């Protein structure tokens, strides 16, 4: 398996977001509804959406998050 690291990638090349989030100094994981596993929050990018908006939407859908670093909220 080959892994590449990029400083920046154009949004149109991205298909999904995986979010490594912290709350009260701890990492946030979601329990999957259909499996007995805990996973990082994330999901598919919607056409025309900025990837940061994808990440915020997925955190809201999966975790109920409404406030994000920098004062942004959905």
PDB file of N, CA and C in Angstrom:
ATOM      1  N   UNK A   1       0.844  -1.161   0.000  1.00  0.00           N
ATOM      2  CA  UNK A   1       0.000   0.000   0.000  1.00  0.00           C
ATOM      3  C   UNK A   1       0.898   1.236   0.000  1.00  0.00           C
ATOM      4  N   UNK A   2       0.551   2.190  -0.843  1.00  0.00           N
ATOM      5  CA  UNK A   2       1.291   3.433  -0.917  1.00  0.00           C
ATOM      6  C   UNK A   2       0.465   4.538  -0.258  1.00  0.00           C
ATOM      7  N   UNK A   3       1.088   5.327   0.613  1.00  0.00           N
ATOM      8  CA  UNK A   3       0.422   6.436   1.287  1.00  0.00           C
ATOM      9  C   UNK A   3       1.096   7.726   0.858  1.00  0.00           C
ATOM     10  N   UNK A   4       0.289   8.694   0.422  1.00  0.00           N
ATOM     11  CA  UNK A   4       0.806  10.001   0.024  1.00  0.00           C
ATOM     12  C   UNK A   4       0.321  11.052   1.012  1.00  0.00           C
ATOM     13  N   UNK A   5       1.166  12.029   1.299  1.00  0.00           N
ATOM     14  CA  UNK A   5       0.801  13.152   2.151  1.00  0.00           C
ATOM     15  C   UNK A   5       0.889  14.418   1.321  1.00  0.00           C
ATOM     16  N   UNK A   6      -0.111  15.286   1.449  1.00  0.00           N
ATOM     17  CA  UNK A   6      -0.177  16.524   0.686  1.00  0.00           C
ATOM     18  C   UNK A   6      -0.357  17.702   1.635  1.00  0.00           C
ATOM     19  N   UNK A   7       0.262  18.808   1.305  1.00  0.00           N
ATOM     20  CA  UNK A   7       0.061  20.027   2.074  1.00  0.00           C
ATOM     21  C   UNK A   7      -1.327  20.597   1.816  1.00  0.00           C
ATOM     22  N   UNK A   8      -1.793  20.515   0.564  1.00  0.00           N
ATOM     23  CA  UNK A   8      -3.097  21.043   0.184  1.00  0.00           C
ATOM     24  C   UNK A   8      -3.613  20.261  -1.017  1.00  0.00           C
ATOM     25  N   UNK A   9      -4.922  20.055  -1.069  1.00  0.00           N
ATOM     26  CA  UNK A   9      -5.561  19.331  -2.170  1.00  0.00           C
ATOM     27  C   UNK A   9      -6.804  20.115  -2.579  1.00  0.00           C
ATOM     28  N   UNK A  10      -7.036  20.237  -3.883  1.00  0.00           N
ATOM     29  CA  UNK A  10      -8.238  20.905  -4.372  1.00  0.00           C
ATOM     30  C   UNK A  10      -9.483  20.142  -3.931  1.00  0.00           C
ATOM     31  N   UNK A  11     -10.519  20.869  -3.484  1.00  0.00           N
ATOM     32  CA  UNK A  11     -11.742  20.237  -2.988  1.00  0.00           C
ATOM     33  C   UNK A  11     -12.358  19.255  -3.982  1.00  0.00           C
ATOM     34  N   UNK A  12     -12.280  19.539  -5.281  1.00  0.00           N
ATOM     35  CA  UNK A  12     -12.923  18.644  -6.256  1.00  0.00           C
ATOM     36  C   UNK A  12     -12.260  17.267  -6.345  1.00  0.00           C
ATOM     37  N   UNK A  13     -11.083  17.103  -5.766  1.00  0.00           N
ATOM     38  CA  UNK A  13     -10.416  15.790  -5.746  1.00  0.00           C
ATOM     39  C   UNK A  13     -10.805  14.959  -4.525  1.00  0.00           C
ATOM     40  N   UNK A  14     -11.482  15.575  -3.576  1.00  0.00           N
ATOM     41  CA  UNK A  14     -11.823  14.911  -2.319  1.00  0.00           C
ATOM     42  C   UNK A  14     -13.220  14.302  -2.424  1.00  0.00           C
ATOM     43  N   UNK A  15     -13.390  13.070  -1.946  1.00  0.00           N
ATOM     44  CA  UNK A  15     -14.672  12.370  -2.025  1.00  0.00           C
ATOM     45  C   UNK A  15     -15.355  12.203  -0.669  1.00  0.00           C
ATOM     46  N   UNK A  16     -14.598  12.220   0.418  1.00  0.00           N
ATOM     47  CA  UNK A  16     -15.187  12.079   1.741  1.00  0.00           C
ATOM     48  C   UNK A  16     -14.280  12.721   2.783  1.00  0.00           C
ATOM     49  N   UNK A  17     -14.834  12.981   3.946  1.00  0.00           N
ATOM     50  CA  UNK A  17     -14.085  13.576   5.054  1.00  0.00           C
ATOM     51  C   UNK A  17     -14.069  12.601   6.220  1.00  0.00           C
ATOM     52  N   UNK A  18     -12.922  12.486   6.853  1.00  0.00           N
ATOM     53  CA  UNK A  18     -12.775  11.741   8.097  1.00  0.00           C
ATOM     54  C   UNK A  18     -12.244  12.744   9.106  1.00  0.00           C
ATOM     55  N   UNK A  19     -12.908  12.864  10.237  1.00  0.00           N
ATOM     56  CA  UNK A  19     -12.588  13.918  11.185  1.00  0.00           C
ATOM     57  C   UNK A  19     -11.980  13.336  12.449  1.00  0.00           C
ATOM     58  N   UNK A  20     -10.807  13.838  12.816  1.00  0.00           N
ATOM     59  CA  UNK A  20     -10.210  13.494  14.105  1.00  0.00           C
ATOM     60  C   UNK A  20     -10.496  14.683  15.007  1.00  0.00           C
ATOM     61  N   UNK A  21     -11.498  14.534  15.861  1.00  0.00           N
ATOM     62  CA  UNK A  21     -11.968  15.637  16.692  1.00  0.00           C
ATOM     63  C   UNK A  21     -11.661  15.364  18.158  1.00  0.00           C
ATOM     64  N   UNK A  22     -11.560  16.466  18.913  1.00  0.00           N
ATOM     65  CA  UNK A  22     -11.376  16.358  20.361  1.00  0.00           C
ATOM     66  C   UNK A  22     -12.471  17.148  21.058  1.00  0.00           C
ATOM     67  N   UNK A  23     -12.899  16.628  22.197  1.00  0.00           N
ATOM     68  CA  UNK A  23     -13.844  17.327  23.061  1.00  0.00           C
ATOM     69  C   UNK A  23     -13.359  17.138  24.488  1.00  0.00           C
ATOM     70  N   UNK A  24     -13.212  18.227  25.209  1.00  0.00           N
ATOM     71  CA  UNK A  24     -12.684  18.182  26.585  1.00  0.00           C
ATOM     72  C   UNK A  24     -11.364  17.416  26.659  1.00  0.00           C
ATOM     73  N   UNK A  25     -10.515  17.597  25.644  1.00  0.00           N
ATOM     74  CA  UNK A  25      -9.188  16.979  25.645  1.00  0.00           C
ATOM     75  C   UNK A  25      -9.153  15.512  25.265  1.00  0.00           C
ATOM     76  N   UNK A  26     -10.284  14.936  24.872  1.00  0.00           N
ATOM     77  CA  UNK A  26     -10.327  13.521  24.496  1.00  0.00           C
ATOM     78  C   UNK A  26     -10.736  13.378  23.036  1.00  0.00           C
ATOM     79  N   UNK A  27     -10.260  12.337  22.380  1.00  0.00           N
ATOM     80  CA  UNK A  27     -10.619  12.062  20.992  1.00  0.00           C
ATOM     81  C   UNK A  27     -12.077  11.600  20.909  1.00  0.00           C
ATOM     82  N   UNK A  28     -12.742  11.962  19.815  1.00  0.00           N
ATOM     83  CA  UNK A  28     -14.157  11.634  19.622  1.00  0.00           C
ATOM     84  C   UNK A  28     -14.288  10.469  18.647  1.00  0.00           C
ATOM     85  N   UNK A  29     -15.019   9.428  19.048  1.00  0.00           N
ATOM     86  CA  UNK A  29     -15.327   8.289  18.196  1.00  0.00           C
ATOM     87  C   UNK A  29     -16.831   8.071  18.202  1.00  0.00           C
ATOM     88  N   UNK A  30     -17.350   7.449  17.149  1.00  0.00           N
ATOM     89  CA  UNK A  30     -18.776   7.134  17.038  1.00  0.00           C
ATOM     90  C   UNK A  30     -18.947   5.622  17.072  1.00  0.00           C
ATOM     91  N   UNK A  31     -19.996   5.160  17.747  1.00  0.00           N
ATOM     92  CA  UNK A  31     -20.326   3.735  17.687  1.00  0.00           C
ATOM     93  C   UNK A  31     -21.184   3.521  16.451  1.00  0.00           C
ATOM     94  N   UNK A  32     -20.744   2.625  15.593  1.00  0.00           N
ATOM     95  CA  UNK A  32     -21.457   2.357  14.348  1.00  0.00           C
ATOM     96  C   UNK A  32     -22.753   1.618  14.641  1.00  0.00           C
ATOM     97  N   UNK A  33     -23.847   2.036  13.989  1.00  0.00           N
ATOM     98  CA  UNK A  33     -25.169   1.431  14.236  1.00  0.00           C
ATOM     99  C   UNK A  33     -25.260  -0.023  13.792  1.00  0.00           C
ATOM    100  N   UNK A  34     -24.588  -0.360  12.703  1.00  0.00           N
ATOM    101  CA  UNK A  34     -24.738  -1.704  12.124  1.00  0.00           C
ATOM    102  C   UNK A  34     -23.598  -2.655  12.474  1.00  0.00           C
ATOM    103  N   UNK A  35     -22.544  -2.133  13.093  1.00  0.00           N
ATOM    104  CA  UNK A  35     -21.416  -2.981  13.484  1.00  0.00           C
ATOM    105  C   UNK A  35     -21.117  -2.728  14.954  1.00  0.00           C
ATOM    106  N   UNK A  36     -20.387  -3.603  15.541  1.00  0.00           N
ATOM    107  CA  UNK A  36     -20.001  -3.441  16.943  1.00  0.00           C
ATOM    108  C   UNK A  36     -18.617  -2.798  17.003  1.00  0.00           C
ATOM    109  N   UNK A  37     -18.496  -1.632  16.354  1.00  0.00           N
ATOM    110  CA  UNK A  37     -17.201  -0.957  16.292  1.00  0.00           C
ATOM    111  C   UNK A  37     -17.354   0.528  16.611  1.00  0.00           C
ATOM    112  N   UNK A  38     -16.258   1.109  17.042  1.00  0.00           N
ATOM    113  CA  UNK A  38     -16.177   2.555  17.220  1.00  0.00           C
ATOM    114  C   UNK A  38     -15.322   3.099  16.087  1.00  0.00           C
ATOM    115  N   UNK A  39     -15.755   4.205  15.503  1.00  0.00           N
ATOM    116  CA  UNK A  39     -15.086   4.748  14.316  1.00  0.00           C
ATOM    117  C   UNK A  39     -14.956   6.250  14.428  1.00  0.00           C
ATOM    118  N   UNK A  40     -14.060   6.803  13.630  1.00  0.00           N
ATOM    119  CA  UNK A  40     -13.951   8.251  13.535  1.00  0.00           C
ATOM    120  C   UNK A  40     -15.160   8.790  12.787  1.00  0.00           C
ATOM    121  N   UNK A  41     -15.670   9.960  13.177  1.00  0.00           N
ATOM    122  CA  UNK A  41     -16.772  10.539  12.427  1.00  0.00           C
ATOM    123  C   UNK A  41     -16.329  10.909  11.008  1.00  0.00           C
ATOM    124  N   UNK A  42     -17.239  10.847  10.077  1.00  0.00           N
ATOM    125  CA  UNK A  42     -16.914  11.221   8.707  1.00  0.00           C
ATOM    126  C   UNK A  42     -18.007  10.802   7.755  1.00  0.00           C
ATOM    127  N   UNK A  43     -17.845  11.198   6.510  1.00  0.00           N
ATOM    128  CA  UNK A  43     -18.834  10.830   5.521  1.00  0.00           C
ATOM    129  C   UNK A  43     -18.535  11.410   4.160  1.00  0.00           C
ATOM    130  N   UNK A  44     -19.448  11.179   3.233  1.00  0.00           N
ATOM    131  CA  UNK A  44     -19.262  11.564   1.842  1.00  0.00           C
ATOM    132  C   UNK A  44     -19.437  13.056   1.606  1.00  0.00           C
ATOM    133  N   UNK A  45     -18.628  13.559   0.730  1.00  0.00           N
ATOM    134  CA  UNK A  45     -18.694  14.935   0.258  1.00  0.00           C
ATOM    135  C   UNK A  45     -19.862  15.064  -0.706  1.00  0.00           C
ATOM    136  N   UNK A  46     -20.612  16.147  -0.602  1.00  0.00           N
ATOM    137  CA  UNK A  46     -21.723  16.427  -1.504  1.00  0.00           C
ATOM    138  C   UNK A  46     -21.245  17.379  -2.597  1.00  0.00           C
ATOM    139  N   UNK A  47     -21.643  17.191  -3.856  1.00  0.00           N
ATOM    140  CA  UNK A  47     -21.214  18.078  -4.941  1.00  0.00           C
ATOM    141  C   UNK A  47     -21.465  19.549  -4.611  1.00  0.00           C
ATOM    142  N   UNK A  48     -20.465  20.372  -4.869  1.00  0.00           N
ATOM    143  CA  UNK A  48     -20.557  21.804  -4.620  1.00  0.00           C
ATOM    144  C   UNK A  48     -20.234  22.222  -3.188  1.00  0.00           C
ATOM    145  N   UNK A  49     -20.008  21.268  -2.304  1.00  0.00           N
ATOM    146  CA  UNK A  49     -19.739  21.542  -0.900  1.00  0.00           C
ATOM    147  C   UNK A  49     -18.235  21.711  -0.678  1.00  0.00           C
ATOM    148  N   UNK A  50     -17.849  22.665   0.146  1.00  0.00           N
ATOM    149  CA  UNK A  50     -16.454  22.790   0.560  1.00  0.00           C
ATOM    150  C   UNK A  50     -16.173  21.660   1.554  1.00  0.00           C
ATOM    151  N   UNK A  51     -14.956  21.107   1.539  1.00  0.00           N
ATOM    152  CA  UNK A  51     -14.657  19.949   2.387  1.00  0.00           C
ATOM    153  C   UNK A  51     -14.787  20.284   3.875  1.00  0.00           C
ATOM    154  N   UNK A  52     -14.479  21.517   4.267  1.00  0.00           N
ATOM    155  CA  UNK A  52     -14.663  21.909   5.663  1.00  0.00           C
ATOM    156  C   UNK A  52     -16.147  21.867   6.039  1.00  0.00           C
ATOM    157  N   UNK A  53     -17.015  22.261   5.112  1.00  0.00           N
ATOM    158  CA  UNK A  53     -18.456  22.174   5.353  1.00  0.00           C
ATOM    159  C   UNK A  53     -18.917  20.723   5.433  1.00  0.00           C
ATOM    160  N   UNK A  54     -18.293  19.836   4.647  1.00  0.00           N
ATOM    161  CA  UNK A  54     -18.580  18.397   4.743  1.00  0.00           C
ATOM    162  C   UNK A  54     -18.258  17.903   6.148  1.00  0.00           C
ATOM    163  N   UNK A  55     -17.081  18.270   6.644  1.00  0.00           N
ATOM    164  CA  UNK A  55     -16.658  17.837   7.980  1.00  0.00           C
ATOM    165  C   UNK A  55     -17.609  18.360   9.053  1.00  0.00           C
ATOM    166  N   UNK A  56     -17.992  19.625   8.965  1.00  0.00           N
ATOM    167  CA  UNK A  56     -18.924  20.195   9.946  1.00  0.00           C
ATOM    168  C   UNK A  56     -20.280  19.500   9.884  1.00  0.00           C
ATOM    169  N   UNK A  57     -20.774  19.256   8.674  1.00  0.00           N
ATOM    170  CA  UNK A  57     -22.069  18.597   8.512  1.00  0.00           C
ATOM    171  C   UNK A  57     -22.039  17.194   9.106  1.00  0.00           C
ATOM    172  N   UNK A  58     -20.983  16.458   8.816  1.00  0.00           N
ATOM    173  CA  UNK A  58     -20.873  15.089   9.331  1.00  0.00           C
ATOM    174  C   UNK A  58     -20.757  15.079  10.854  1.00  0.00           C
ATOM    175  N   UNK A  59     -20.009  16.019  11.433  1.00  0.00           N
ATOM    176  CA  UNK A  59     -19.935  16.084  12.895  1.00  0.00           C
ATOM    177  C   UNK A  59     -21.287  16.408  13.500  1.00  0.00           C
ATOM    178  N   UNK A  60     -22.056  17.258  12.828  1.00  0.00           N
ATOM    179  CA  UNK A  60     -23.384  17.587  13.325  1.00  0.00           C
ATOM    180  C   UNK A  60     -24.309  16.377  13.209  1.00  0.00           C
ATOM    181  N   UNK A  61     -24.287  15.701  12.054  1.00  0.00           N
ATOM    182  CA  UNK A  61     -25.165  14.546  11.841  1.00  0.00           C
ATOM    183  C   UNK A  61     -24.828  13.384  12.769  1.00  0.00           C
ATOM    184  N   UNK A  62     -23.549  13.113  12.945  1.00  0.00           N
ATOM    185  CA  UNK A  62     -23.142  11.922  13.701  1.00  0.00           C
ATOM    186  C   UNK A  62     -22.966  12.170  15.194  1.00  0.00           C
ATOM    187  N   UNK A  63     -22.625  13.419  15.557  1.00  0.00           N
ATOM    188  CA  UNK A  63     -22.304  13.692  16.953  1.00  0.00           C
ATOM    189  C   UNK A  63     -23.175  14.773  17.583  1.00  0.00           C
ATOM    190  N   UNK A  64     -23.959  15.486  16.774  1.00  0.00           N
ATOM    191  CA  UNK A  64     -24.768  16.568  17.307  1.00  0.00           C
ATOM    192  C   UNK A  64     -23.979  17.846  17.551  1.00  0.00           C
ATOM    193  N   UNK A  65     -22.765  17.923  17.027  1.00  0.00           N
ATOM    194  CA  UNK A  65     -21.925  19.113  17.227  1.00  0.00           C
ATOM    195  C   UNK A  65     -22.555  20.328  16.568  1.00  0.00           C
ATOM    196  N   UNK A  66     -22.523  21.454  17.266  1.00  0.00           N
ATOM    197  CA  UNK A  66     -23.072  22.693  16.704  1.00  0.00           C
ATOM    198  C   UNK A  66     -22.073  23.841  16.749  1.00  0.00           C
ATOM    199  N   UNK A  67     -20.991  23.686  17.499  1.00  0.00           N
ATOM    200  CA  UNK A  67     -19.946  24.711  17.562  1.00  0.00           C
ATOM    201  C   UNK A  67     -18.628  24.093  17.150  1.00  0.00           C
ATOM    202  N   UNK A  68     -17.830  24.892  16.419  1.00  0.00           N
ATOM    203  CA  UNK A  68     -16.566  24.401  15.889  1.00  0.00           C
ATOM    204  C   UNK A  68     -15.464  25.401  16.187  1.00  0.00           C
ATOM    205  N   UNK A  69     -14.198  24.963  16.257  1.00  0.00           N
ATOM    206  CA  UNK A  69     -13.106  25.885  16.532  1.00  0.00           C
ATOM    207  C   UNK A  69     -13.143  27.091  15.593  1.00  0.00           C
ATOM    208  N   UNK A  70     -12.790  28.251  16.109  1.00  0.00           N
ATOM    209  CA  UNK A  70     -12.794  29.457  15.304  1.00  0.00           C
ATOM    210  C   UNK A  70     -14.129  30.180  15.345  1.00  0.00           C
ATOM    211  N   UNK A  71     -15.069  29.681  16.129  1.00  0.00           N
ATOM    212  CA  UNK A  71     -16.360  30.341  16.266  1.00  0.00           C
ATOM    213  C   UNK A  71     -17.388  29.993  15.208  1.00  0.00           C
ATOM    214  N   UNK A  72     -17.051  29.128  14.243  1.00  0.00           N
ATOM    215  CA  UNK A  72     -18.005  28.737  13.209  1.00  0.00           C
ATOM    216  C   UNK A  72     -19.054  27.822  13.808  1.00  0.00           C
ATOM    217  N   UNK A  73     -20.255  27.895  13.289  1.00  0.00           N
ATOM    218  CA  UNK A  73     -21.296  26.946  13.707  1.00  0.00           C
ATOM    219  C   UNK A  73     -22.260  26.756  12.552  1.00  0.00           C
ATOM    220  N   UNK A  74     -22.992  25.646  12.589  1.00  0.00           N
ATOM    221  CA  UNK A  74     -24.000  25.353  11.570  1.00  0.00           C
ATOM    222  C   UNK A  74     -25.358  25.562  12.125  1.00  0.00           C
TER     223      UNK A  74
END
